[in-house]
Amino acid sequence: LVPGIVAGAIFSYSLTMGDYITVNIVGGASQMLGNLVFVNAGAANNL
């Protein structure tokens, strides 16, 4: 079962780290790395 758990864990962990839409919708004032990437690539104009 370990390979299946590992595969699922890789999916959920990596997808969560890169997500920023959910944080914008239900995260309130909280920020995650995806939000910082979005802000700096857009409004802050610091690619």
All heavy atoms as atom14 arrays in JSON, in Angstrom:
{
  "sequence": "LVPGIVAGAIFSYSLTMGDYITVNIVGGASQMLGNLVFVNAGAANNL",
  "atom14_mask": [
    [1, 1, 1, 1, 1, 1, 1, 1, 0, 0, 0, 0, 0, 0],
    [1, 1, 1, 1, 1, 1, 1, 0, 0, 0, 0, 0, 0, 0],
    [1, 1, 1, 1, 1, 1, 1, 0, 0, 0, 0, 0, 0, 0],
    [1, 1, 1, 1, 0, 0, 0, 0, 0, 0, 0, 0, 0, 0],
    [1, 1, 1, 1, 1, 1, 1, 1, 0, 0, 0, 0, 0, 0],
    [1, 1, 1, 1, 1, 1, 1, 0, 0, 0, 0, 0, 0, 0],
    [1, 1, 1, 1, 1, 0, 0, 0, 0, 0, 0, 0, 0, 0],
    [1, 1, 1, 1, 0, 0, 0, 0, 0, 0, 0, 0, 0, 0],
    [1, 1, 1, 1, 1, 0, 0, 0, 0, 0, 0, 0, 0, 0],
    [1, 1, 1, 1, 1, 1, 1, 1, 0, 0, 0, 0, 0, 0],
    [1, 1, 1, 1, 1, 1, 1, 1, 1, 1, 1, 0, 0, 0],
    [1, 1, 1, 1, 1, 1, 0, 0, 0, 0, 0, 0, 0, 0],
    [1, 1, 1, 1, 1, 1, 1, 1, 1, 1, 1, 1, 0, 0],
    [1, 1, 1, 1, 1, 1, 0, 0, 0, 0, 0, 0, 0, 0],
    [1, 1, 1, 1, 1, 1, 1, 1, 0, 0, 0, 0, 0, 0],
    [1, 1, 1, 1, 1, 1, 1, 0, 0, 0, 0, 0, 0, 0],
    [1, 1, 1, 1, 1, 1, 1, 1, 0, 0, 0, 0, 0, 0],
    [1, 1, 1, 1, 0, 0, 0, 0, 0, 0, 0, 0, 0, 0],
    [1, 1, 1, 1, 1, 1, 1, 1, 0, 0, 0, 0, 0, 0],
    [1, 1, 1, 1, 1, 1, 1, 1, 1, 1, 1, 1, 0, 0],
    [1, 1, 1, 1, 1, 1, 1, 1, 0, 0, 0, 0, 0, 0],
    [1, 1, 1, 1, 1, 1, 1, 0, 0, 0, 0, 0, 0, 0],
    [1, 1, 1, 1, 1, 1, 1, 0, 0, 0, 0, 0, 0, 0],
    [1, 1, 1, 1, 1, 1, 1, 1, 0, 0, 0, 0, 0, 0],
    [1, 1, 1, 1, 1, 1, 1, 1, 0, 0, 0, 0, 0, 0],
    [1, 1, 1, 1, 1, 1, 1, 0, 0, 0, 0, 0, 0, 0],
    [1, 1, 1, 1, 0, 0, 0, 0, 0, 0, 0, 0, 0, 0],
    [1, 1, 1, 1, 0, 0, 0, 0, 0, 0, 0, 0, 0, 0],
    [1, 1, 1, 1, 1, 0, 0, 0, 0, 0, 0, 0, 0, 0],
    [1, 1, 1, 1, 1, 1, 0, 0, 0, 0, 0, 0, 0, 0],
    [1, 1, 1, 1, 1, 1, 1, 1, 1, 0, 0, 0, 0, 0],
    [1, 1, 1, 1, 1, 1, 1, 1, 0, 0, 0, 0, 0, 0],
    [1, 1, 1, 1, 1, 1, 1, 1, 0, 0, 0, 0, 0, 0],
    [1, 1, 1, 1, 0, 0, 0, 0, 0, 0, 0, 0, 0, 0],
    [1, 1, 1, 1, 1, 1, 1, 1, 0, 0, 0, 0, 0, 0],
    [1, 1, 1, 1, 1, 1, 1, 1, 0, 0, 0, 0, 0, 0],
    [1, 1, 1, 1, 1, 1, 1, 0, 0, 0, 0, 0, 0, 0],
    [1, 1, 1, 1, 1, 1, 1, 1, 1, 1, 1, 0, 0, 0],
    [1, 1, 1, 1, 1, 1, 1, 0, 0, 0, 0, 0, 0, 0],
    [1, 1, 1, 1, 1, 1, 1, 1, 0, 0, 0, 0, 0, 0],
    [1, 1, 1, 1, 1, 0, 0, 0, 0, 0, 0, 0, 0, 0],
    [1, 1, 1, 1, 0, 0, 0, 0, 0, 0, 0, 0, 0, 0],
    [1, 1, 1, 1, 1, 0, 0, 0, 0, 0, 0, 0, 0, 0],
    [1, 1, 1, 1, 1, 0, 0, 0, 0, 0, 0, 0, 0, 0],
    [1, 1, 1, 1, 1, 1, 1, 1, 0, 0, 0, 0, 0, 0],
    [1, 1, 1, 1, 1, 1, 1, 1, 0, 0, 0, 0, 0, 0],
    [1, 1, 1, 1, 1, 1, 1, 1, 0, 0, 0, 0, 0, 0]
  ],
  "atom14_positions": [
    [[0.81, -1.21, 0.0], [0.0, 0.0, 0.0], [0.84, 1.27, 0.0], [0.37, 2.32, -0.44], [-0.92, -0.02, 1.23], [-1.99, 1.06, 1.36], [-2.91, 1.04, 0.16], [-2.76, 0.88, 2.64], [0.0, 0.0, 0.0], [0.0, 0.0, 0.0], [0.0, 0.0, 0.0], [0.0, 0.0, 0.0], [0.0, 0.0, 0.0], [0.0, 0.0, 0.0]],
    [[2.08, 1.17, 0.48], [2.93, 2.36, 0.61], [3.08, 3.14, -0.7], [2.96, 4.37, -0.69], [4.32, 1.96, 1.16], [5.32, 3.1, 0.99], [4.2, 1.6, 2.64], [0.0, 0.0, 0.0], [0.0, 0.0, 0.0], [0.0, 0.0, 0.0], [0.0, 0.0, 0.0], [0.0, 0.0, 0.0], [0.0, 0.0, 0.0], [0.0, 0.0, 0.0]],
    [[3.33, 2.49, -1.85], [3.44, 3.29, -3.08], [2.2, 4.11, -3.39], [2.3, 5.25, -3.85], [3.69, 2.22, -4.15], [4.3, 1.08, -3.42], [3.63, 1.07, -2.09], [0.0, 0.0, 0.0], [0.0, 0.0, 0.0], [0.0, 0.0, 0.0], [0.0, 0.0, 0.0], [0.0, 0.0, 0.0], [0.0, 0.0, 0.0], [0.0, 0.0, 0.0]],
    [[1.01, 3.56, -3.15], [-0.21, 4.3, -3.39], [-0.35, 5.48, -2.46], [-0.76, 6.58, -2.87], [0.0, 0.0, 0.0], [0.0, 0.0, 0.0], [0.0, 0.0, 0.0], [0.0, 0.0, 0.0], [0.0, 0.0, 0.0], [0.0, 0.0, 0.0], [0.0, 0.0, 0.0], [0.0, 0.0, 0.0], [0.0, 0.0, 0.0], [0.0, 0.0, 0.0]],
    [[0.0, 5.29, -1.19], [-0.05, 6.39, -0.23], [0.95, 7.47, -0.61], [0.66, 8.67, -0.55], [0.23, 5.87, 1.2], [-0.87, 4.9, 1.64], [0.35, 7.02, 2.19], [-0.62, 4.28, 3.0], [0.0, 0.0, 0.0], [0.0, 0.0, 0.0], [0.0, 0.0, 0.0], [0.0, 0.0, 0.0], [0.0, 0.0, 0.0], [0.0, 0.0, 0.0]],
    [[2.14, 7.05, -1.03], [3.17, 8.0, -1.44], [2.7, 8.82, -2.64], [2.84, 10.05, -2.67], [4.48, 7.27, -1.77], [5.45, 8.21, -2.49], [5.12, 6.73, -0.5], [0.0, 0.0, 0.0], [0.0, 0.0, 0.0], [0.0, 0.0, 0.0], [0.0, 0.0, 0.0], [0.0, 0.0, 0.0], [0.0, 0.0, 0.0], [0.0, 0.0, 0.0]],
    [[2.11, 8.14, -3.62], [1.63, 8.85, -4.81], [0.56, 9.86, -4.43], [0.59, 11.02, -4.88], [1.08, 7.84, -5.82], [0.0, 0.0, 0.0], [0.0, 0.0, 0.0], [0.0, 0.0, 0.0], [0.0, 0.0, 0.0], [0.0, 0.0, 0.0], [0.0, 0.0, 0.0], [0.0, 0.0, 0.0], [0.0, 0.0, 0.0], [0.0, 0.0, 0.0]],
    [[-0.41, 9.45, -3.6], [-1.46, 10.37, -3.18], [-0.92, 11.53, -2.37], [-1.35, 12.68, -2.54], [0.0, 0.0, 0.0], [0.0, 0.0, 0.0], [0.0, 0.0, 0.0], [0.0, 0.0, 0.0], [0.0, 0.0, 0.0], [0.0, 0.0, 0.0], [0.0, 0.0, 0.0], [0.0, 0.0, 0.0], [0.0, 0.0, 0.0], [0.0, 0.0, 0.0]],
    [[0.05, 11.24, -1.49], [0.63, 12.29, -0.67], [1.39, 13.3, -1.52], [1.35, 14.51, -1.27], [1.55, 11.68, 0.38], [0.0, 0.0, 0.0], [0.0, 0.0, 0.0], [0.0, 0.0, 0.0], [0.0, 0.0, 0.0], [0.0, 0.0, 0.0], [0.0, 0.0, 0.0], [0.0, 0.0, 0.0], [0.0, 0.0, 0.0], [0.0, 0.0, 0.0]],
    [[2.1, 12.82, -2.54], [2.82, 13.73, -3.43], [1.84, 14.66, -4.13], [2.06, 15.87, -4.24], [3.65, 12.93, -4.46], [4.81, 12.22, -3.77], [4.17, 13.85, -5.56], [5.57, 11.28, -4.68], [0.0, 0.0, 0.0], [0.0, 0.0, 0.0], [0.0, 0.0, 0.0], [0.0, 0.0, 0.0], [0.0, 0.0, 0.0], [0.0, 0.0, 0.0]],
    [[0.73, 14.09, -4.61], [-0.28, 14.91, -5.28], [-0.81, 16.0, -4.34], [-0.78, 17.19, -4.68], [-1.45, 14.04, -5.75], [-1.2, 13.33, -7.04], [-1.44, 11.97, -7.14], [-0.72, 13.99, -8.15], [-1.21, 11.29, -8.32], [-0.49, 13.33, -9.34], [-0.74, 11.97, -9.43], [0.0, 0.0, 0.0], [0.0, 0.0, 0.0], [0.0, 0.0, 0.0]],
    [[-1.31, 15.6, -3.17], [-1.96, 16.57, -2.29], [-0.97, 17.6, -1.76], [-1.28, 18.79, -1.68], [-2.65, 15.84, -1.12], [-1.71, 15.12, -0.35], [0.0, 0.0, 0.0], [0.0, 0.0, 0.0], [0.0, 0.0, 0.0], [0.0, 0.0, 0.0], [0.0, 0.0, 0.0], [0.0, 0.0, 0.0], [0.0, 0.0, 0.0], [0.0, 0.0, 0.0]],
    [[0.25, 17.16, -1.4], [1.22, 18.09, -0.83], [1.7, 19.11, -1.86], [1.69, 20.32, -1.6], [2.42, 17.31, -0.28], [3.24, 18.11, 0.71], [2.94, 18.08, 2.06], [4.31, 18.89, 0.3], [3.68, 18.81, 2.98], [5.05, 19.63, 1.2], [4.73, 19.58, 2.54], [5.46, 20.33, 3.45], [0.0, 0.0, 0.0], [0.0, 0.0, 0.0]],
    [[2.08, 18.63, -3.04], [2.61, 19.55, -4.05], [1.52, 20.48, -4.59], [1.77, 21.67, -4.81], [3.25, 18.76, -5.2], [2.31, 17.9, -5.79], [0.0, 0.0, 0.0], [0.0, 0.0, 0.0], [0.0, 0.0, 0.0], [0.0, 0.0, 0.0], [0.0, 0.0, 0.0], [0.0, 0.0, 0.0], [0.0, 0.0, 0.0], [0.0, 0.0, 0.0]],
    [[0.31, 19.96, -4.79], [-0.78, 20.8, -5.29], [-1.17, 21.86, -4.28], [-1.49, 23.0, -4.64], [-1.99, 19.93, -5.64], [-1.83, 19.03, -6.87], [-3.01, 18.08, -7.0], [-1.69, 19.86, -8.14], [0.0, 0.0, 0.0], [0.0, 0.0, 0.0], [0.0, 0.0, 0.0], [0.0, 0.0, 0.0], [0.0, 0.0, 0.0], [0.0, 0.0, 0.0]],
    [[-1.14, 21.52, -3.0], [-1.47, 22.51, -1.97], [-0.42, 23.6, -1.89], [-0.74, 24.78, -1.75], [-1.61, 21.83, -0.59], [-2.63, 20.83, -0.66], [-1.98, 22.84, 0.48], [0.0, 0.0, 0.0], [0.0, 0.0, 0.0], [0.0, 0.0, 0.0], [0.0, 0.0, 0.0], [0.0, 0.0, 0.0], [0.0, 0.0, 0.0], [0.0, 0.0, 0.0]],
    [[0.85, 23.23, -1.98], [1.91, 24.23, -1.9], [1.82, 25.25, -3.03], [2.12, 26.43, -2.83], [3.29, 23.54, -1.95], [3.73, 22.98, -0.64], [5.51, 22.66, -0.63], [5.66, 21.53, -1.99], [0.0, 0.0, 0.0], [0.0, 0.0, 0.0], [0.0, 0.0, 0.0], [0.0, 0.0, 0.0], [0.0, 0.0, 0.0], [0.0, 0.0, 0.0]],
    [[1.39, 24.83, -4.2], [1.35, 25.74, -5.34], [0.04, 26.48, -5.51], [-0.08, 27.33, -6.39], [0.0, 0.0, 0.0], [0.0, 0.0, 0.0], [0.0, 0.0, 0.0], [0.0, 0.0, 0.0], [0.0, 0.0, 0.0], [0.0, 0.0, 0.0], [0.0, 0.0, 0.0], [0.0, 0.0, 0.0], [0.0, 0.0, 0.0], [0.0, 0.0, 0.0]],
    [[-0.95, 26.19, -4.67], [-2.27, 26.78, -4.84], [-2.34, 28.18, -4.23], [-1.71, 28.45, -3.21], [-3.32, 25.88, -4.2], [-4.73, 26.38, -4.45], [-5.25, 26.11, -5.53], [-5.28, 27.07, -3.57], [0.0, 0.0, 0.0], [0.0, 0.0, 0.0], [0.0, 0.0, 0.0], [0.0, 0.0, 0.0], [0.0, 0.0, 0.0], [0.0, 0.0, 0.0]],
    [[-3.09, 29.07, -4.86], [-3.32, 30.39, -4.29], [-4.77, 30.83, -4.41], [-5.21, 31.76, -3.72], [-2.42, 31.43, -4.99], [-2.84, 31.78, -6.4], [-3.64, 32.87, -6.66], [-2.43, 31.0, -7.47], [-4.03, 33.19, -7.96], [-2.8, 31.31, -8.77], [-3.61, 32.4, -9.0], [-3.99, 32.71, -10.28], [0.0, 0.0, 0.0], [0.0, 0.0, 0.0]],
    [[-5.55, 30.15, -5.25], [-6.94, 30.57, -5.48], [-7.78, 30.3, -4.23], [-8.55, 31.15, -3.78], [-7.52, 29.84, -6.7], [-6.72, 30.21, -7.94], [-8.98, 30.2, -6.9], [-7.15, 29.47, -9.2], [0.0, 0.0, 0.0], [0.0, 0.0, 0.0], [0.0, 0.0, 0.0], [0.0, 0.0, 0.0], [0.0, 0.0, 0.0], [0.0, 0.0, 0.0]],
    [[-7.64, 29.1, -3.65], [-8.42, 28.76, -2.46], [-8.13, 29.73, -1.33], [-9.04, 30.15, -0.6], [-8.11, 27.32, -2.02], [-8.54, 26.41, -3.03], [-8.82, 26.99, -0.72], [0.0, 0.0, 0.0], [0.0, 0.0, 0.0], [0.0, 0.0, 0.0], [0.0, 0.0, 0.0], [0.0, 0.0, 0.0], [0.0, 0.0, 0.0], [0.0, 0.0, 0.0]],
    [[-6.87, 30.1, -1.16], [-6.5, 31.02, -0.09], [-7.17, 32.37, -0.3], [-7.64, 33.01, 0.66], [-4.97, 31.19, -0.02], [-4.58, 32.02, 1.18], [-4.3, 29.83, 0.05], [0.0, 0.0, 0.0], [0.0, 0.0, 0.0], [0.0, 0.0, 0.0], [0.0, 0.0, 0.0], [0.0, 0.0, 0.0], [0.0, 0.0, 0.0], [0.0, 0.0, 0.0]],
    [[-7.24, 32.82, -1.53], [-7.91, 34.09, -1.82], [-9.41, 34.02, -1.55], [-10.03, 35.02, -1.18], [-7.69, 34.48, -3.3], [-6.29, 35.01, -3.55], [-5.62, 35.48, -2.63], [-5.84, 34.92, -4.78], [0.0, 0.0, 0.0], [0.0, 0.0, 0.0], [0.0, 0.0, 0.0], [0.0, 0.0, 0.0], [0.0, 0.0, 0.0], [0.0, 0.0, 0.0]],
    [[-10.0, 32.84, -1.72], [-11.46, 32.72, -1.6], [-11.89, 32.49, -0.16], [-12.84, 33.11, 0.32], [-11.96, 31.57, -2.5], [-11.73, 31.93, -3.98], [-13.45, 31.29, -2.26], [-12.07, 30.82, -4.94], [0.0, 0.0, 0.0], [0.0, 0.0, 0.0], [0.0, 0.0, 0.0], [0.0, 0.0, 0.0], [0.0, 0.0, 0.0], [0.0, 0.0, 0.0]],
    [[-11.21, 31.59, 0.58], [-11.65, 31.25, 1.94], [-10.58, 31.51, 2.99], [-10.8, 31.24, 4.17], [-12.09, 29.77, 2.01], [-13.24, 29.5, 1.07], [-10.92, 28.83, 1.74], [0.0, 0.0, 0.0], [0.0, 0.0, 0.0], [0.0, 0.0, 0.0], [0.0, 0.0, 0.0], [0.0, 0.0, 0.0], [0.0, 0.0, 0.0], [0.0, 0.0, 0.0]],
    [[-9.42, 32.01, 2.59], [-8.32, 32.16, 3.54], [-8.34, 33.41, 4.37], [-7.5, 33.56, 5.26], [0.0, 0.0, 0.0], [0.0, 0.0, 0.0], [0.0, 0.0, 0.0], [0.0, 0.0, 0.0], [0.0, 0.0, 0.0], [0.0, 0.0, 0.0], [0.0, 0.0, 0.0], [0.0, 0.0, 0.0], [0.0, 0.0, 0.0], [0.0, 0.0, 0.0]],
    [[-9.27, 34.32, 4.11], [-9.29, 35.57, 4.86], [-8.03, 36.37, 4.62], [-7.63, 36.61, 3.48], [0.0, 0.0, 0.0], [0.0, 0.0, 0.0], [0.0, 0.0, 0.0], [0.0, 0.0, 0.0], [0.0, 0.0, 0.0], [0.0, 0.0, 0.0], [0.0, 0.0, 0.0], [0.0, 0.0, 0.0], [0.0, 0.0, 0.0], [0.0, 0.0, 0.0]],
    [[-7.37, 36.77, 5.71], [-6.14, 37.57, 5.6], [-4.89, 36.71, 5.47], [-3.79, 37.24, 5.33], [-6.01, 38.48, 6.82], [0.0, 0.0, 0.0], [0.0, 0.0, 0.0], [0.0, 0.0, 0.0], [0.0, 0.0, 0.0], [0.0, 0.0, 0.0], [0.0, 0.0, 0.0], [0.0, 0.0, 0.0], [0.0, 0.0, 0.0], [0.0, 0.0, 0.0]],
    [[-5.06, 35.39, 5.51], [-3.9, 34.5, 5.44], [-3.28, 34.52, 4.04], [-3.98, 34.7, 3.04], [-4.31, 33.07, 5.8], [-4.89, 33.02, 7.08], [0.0, 0.0, 0.0], [0.0, 0.0, 0.0], [0.0, 0.0, 0.0], [0.0, 0.0, 0.0], [0.0, 0.0, 0.0], [0.0, 0.0, 0.0], [0.0, 0.0, 0.0], [0.0, 0.0, 0.0]],
    [[-1.99, 34.33, 3.99], [-1.26, 34.26, 2.73], [-0.4, 33.0, 2.69], [0.08, 32.54, 3.72], [-0.38, 35.49, 2.52], [-1.12, 36.74, 2.11], [-0.16, 37.84, 1.71], [0.88, 38.04, 2.33], [-0.5, 38.57, 0.66], [0.0, 0.0, 0.0], [0.0, 0.0, 0.0], [0.0, 0.0, 0.0], [0.0, 0.0, 0.0], [0.0, 0.0, 0.0]],
    [[-0.24, 32.48, 1.47], [0.65, 31.35, 1.25], [1.59, 31.71, 0.1], [1.48, 32.78, -0.5], [-0.15, 30.08, 0.97], [-0.94, 29.6, 2.19], [-2.08, 28.24, 1.88], [-0.97, 26.98, 1.25], [0.0, 0.0, 0.0], [0.0, 0.0, 0.0], [0.0, 0.0, 0.0], [0.0, 0.0, 0.0], [0.0, 0.0, 0.0], [0.0, 0.0, 0.0]],
    [[2.52, 30.81, -0.2], [3.53, 31.12, -1.21], [2.91, 31.46, -2.55], [3.39, 32.36, -3.26], [4.49, 29.93, -1.35], [5.44, 29.69, -0.18], [6.22, 28.4, -0.37], [6.39, 30.87, 0.0], [0.0, 0.0, 0.0], [0.0, 0.0, 0.0], [0.0, 0.0, 0.0], [0.0, 0.0, 0.0], [0.0, 0.0, 0.0], [0.0, 0.0, 0.0]],
    [[1.86, 30.74, -2.93], [1.2, 31.02, -4.21], [0.69, 32.44, -4.3], [0.77, 33.07, -5.36], [0.0, 0.0, 0.0], [0.0, 0.0, 0.0], [0.0, 0.0, 0.0], [0.0, 0.0, 0.0], [0.0, 0.0, 0.0], [0.0, 0.0, 0.0], [0.0, 0.0, 0.0], [0.0, 0.0, 0.0], [0.0, 0.0, 0.0], [0.0, 0.0, 0.0]],
    [[0.17, 32.98, -3.18], [-0.31, 34.35, -3.18], [0.83, 35.34, -3.4], [0.68, 36.34, -4.12], [-0.99, 34.67, -1.84], [-2.13, 33.73, -1.55], [-1.96, 32.77, -0.82], [-3.29, 33.98, -2.13], [0.0, 0.0, 0.0], [0.0, 0.0, 0.0], [0.0, 0.0, 0.0], [0.0, 0.0, 0.0], [0.0, 0.0, 0.0], [0.0, 0.0, 0.0]],
    [[1.97, 35.06, -2.76], [3.12, 35.96, -2.92], [3.63, 35.94, -4.36], [4.03, 36.98, -4.9], [4.23, 35.56, -1.96], [3.9, 35.65, -0.47], [5.12, 35.3, 0.37], [3.38, 37.04, -0.11], [0.0, 0.0, 0.0], [0.0, 0.0, 0.0], [0.0, 0.0, 0.0], [0.0, 0.0, 0.0], [0.0, 0.0, 0.0], [0.0, 0.0, 0.0]],
    [[3.63, 34.77, -4.99], [4.03, 34.68, -6.39], [3.09, 35.5, -7.25], [3.51, 36.27, -8.12], [4.07, 33.21, -6.85], [4.33, 33.13, -8.36], [5.14, 32.44, -6.1], [0.0, 0.0, 0.0], [0.0, 0.0, 0.0], [0.0, 0.0, 0.0], [0.0, 0.0, 0.0], [0.0, 0.0, 0.0], [0.0, 0.0, 0.0], [0.0, 0.0, 0.0]],
    [[1.8, 35.34, -7.03], [0.78, 36.05, -7.81], [0.92, 37.56, -7.67], [0.88, 38.3, -8.66], [-0.61, 35.59, -7.38], [-1.73, 36.31, -8.07], [-2.07, 36.0, -9.38], [-2.45, 37.3, -7.41], [-3.1, 36.66, -10.02], [-3.48, 37.96, -8.05], [-3.81, 37.64, -9.36], [0.0, 0.0, 0.0], [0.0, 0.0, 0.0], [0.0, 0.0, 0.0]],
    [[1.09, 38.03, -6.43], [1.18, 39.47, -6.19], [2.44, 40.05, -6.81], [2.4, 41.1, -7.46], [1.13, 39.75, -4.67], [1.48, 41.21, -4.39], [-0.23, 39.42, -4.11], [0.0, 0.0, 0.0], [0.0, 0.0, 0.0], [0.0, 0.0, 0.0], [0.0, 0.0, 0.0], [0.0, 0.0, 0.0], [0.0, 0.0, 0.0], [0.0, 0.0, 0.0]],
    [[3.57, 39.38, -6.63], [4.83, 39.91, -7.16], [4.9, 39.84, -8.67], [5.54, 40.68, -9.31], [6.01, 39.17, -6.54], [6.33, 39.65, -5.14], [6.94, 40.69, -4.94], [5.9, 38.87, -4.15], [0.0, 0.0, 0.0], [0.0, 0.0, 0.0], [0.0, 0.0, 0.0], [0.0, 0.0, 0.0], [0.0, 0.0, 0.0], [0.0, 0.0, 0.0]],
    [[4.27, 38.82, -9.26], [4.27, 38.73, -10.72], [3.26, 39.69, -11.35], [3.35, 39.98, -12.54], [3.94, 37.3, -11.15], [0.0, 0.0, 0.0], [0.0, 0.0, 0.0], [0.0, 0.0, 0.0], [0.0, 0.0, 0.0], [0.0, 0.0, 0.0], [0.0, 0.0, 0.0], [0.0, 0.0, 0.0], [0.0, 0.0, 0.0], [0.0, 0.0, 0.0]],
    [[2.31, 40.19, -10.56], [1.28, 41.07, -11.08], [1.41, 42.48, -10.58], [2.14, 43.3, -11.13], [0.0, 0.0, 0.0], [0.0, 0.0, 0.0], [0.0, 0.0, 0.0], [0.0, 0.0, 0.0], [0.0, 0.0, 0.0], [0.0, 0.0, 0.0], [0.0, 0.0, 0.0], [0.0, 0.0, 0.0], [0.0, 0.0, 0.0], [0.0, 0.0, 0.0]],
    [[0.7, 42.78, -9.49], [0.61, 44.15, -9.0], [1.97, 44.73, -8.62], [2.26, 45.9, -8.89], [-0.34, 44.21, -7.8], [0.0, 0.0, 0.0], [0.0, 0.0, 0.0], [0.0, 0.0, 0.0], [0.0, 0.0, 0.0], [0.0, 0.0, 0.0], [0.0, 0.0, 0.0], [0.0, 0.0, 0.0], [0.0, 0.0, 0.0], [0.0, 0.0, 0.0]],
    [[2.81, 43.94, -7.95], [4.11, 44.45, -7.52], [5.11, 44.57, -8.67], [6.14, 45.24, -8.53], [4.7, 43.55, -6.43], [0.0, 0.0, 0.0], [0.0, 0.0, 0.0], [0.0, 0.0, 0.0], [0.0, 0.0, 0.0], [0.0, 0.0, 0.0], [0.0, 0.0, 0.0], [0.0, 0.0, 0.0], [0.0, 0.0, 0.0], [0.0, 0.0, 0.0]],
    [[4.85, 43.93, -9.78], [5.7, 43.99, -10.98], [7.15, 43.64, -10.66], [8.09, 44.3, -11.1], [5.63, 45.4, -11.61], [6.2, 45.42, -13.02], [6.17, 44.41, -13.72], [6.74, 46.56, -13.42], [0.0, 0.0, 0.0], [0.0, 0.0, 0.0], [0.0, 0.0, 0.0], [0.0, 0.0, 0.0], [0.0, 0.0, 0.0], [0.0, 0.0, 0.0]],
    [[7.31, 42.59, -9.87], [8.66, 42.12, -9.51], [8.76, 40.65, -9.89], [8.71, 39.76, -9.04], [8.91, 42.33, -8.01], [10.37, 42.17, -7.65], [11.13, 41.52, -8.37], [10.78, 42.74, -6.53], [0.0, 0.0, 0.0], [0.0, 0.0, 0.0], [0.0, 0.0, 0.0], [0.0, 0.0, 0.0], [0.0, 0.0, 0.0], [0.0, 0.0, 0.0]],
    [[8.92, 40.41, -11.18], [8.97, 39.04, -11.69], [10.15, 38.25, -11.14], [10.0, 37.06, -10.81], [8.99, 39.05, -13.22], [8.82, 37.7, -13.91], [7.49, 37.05, -13.53], [8.93, 37.85, -15.43], [0.0, 0.0, 0.0], [0.0, 0.0, 0.0], [0.0, 0.0, 0.0], [0.0, 0.0, 0.0], [0.0, 0.0, 0.0], [0.0, 0.0, 0.0]]
  ]
}
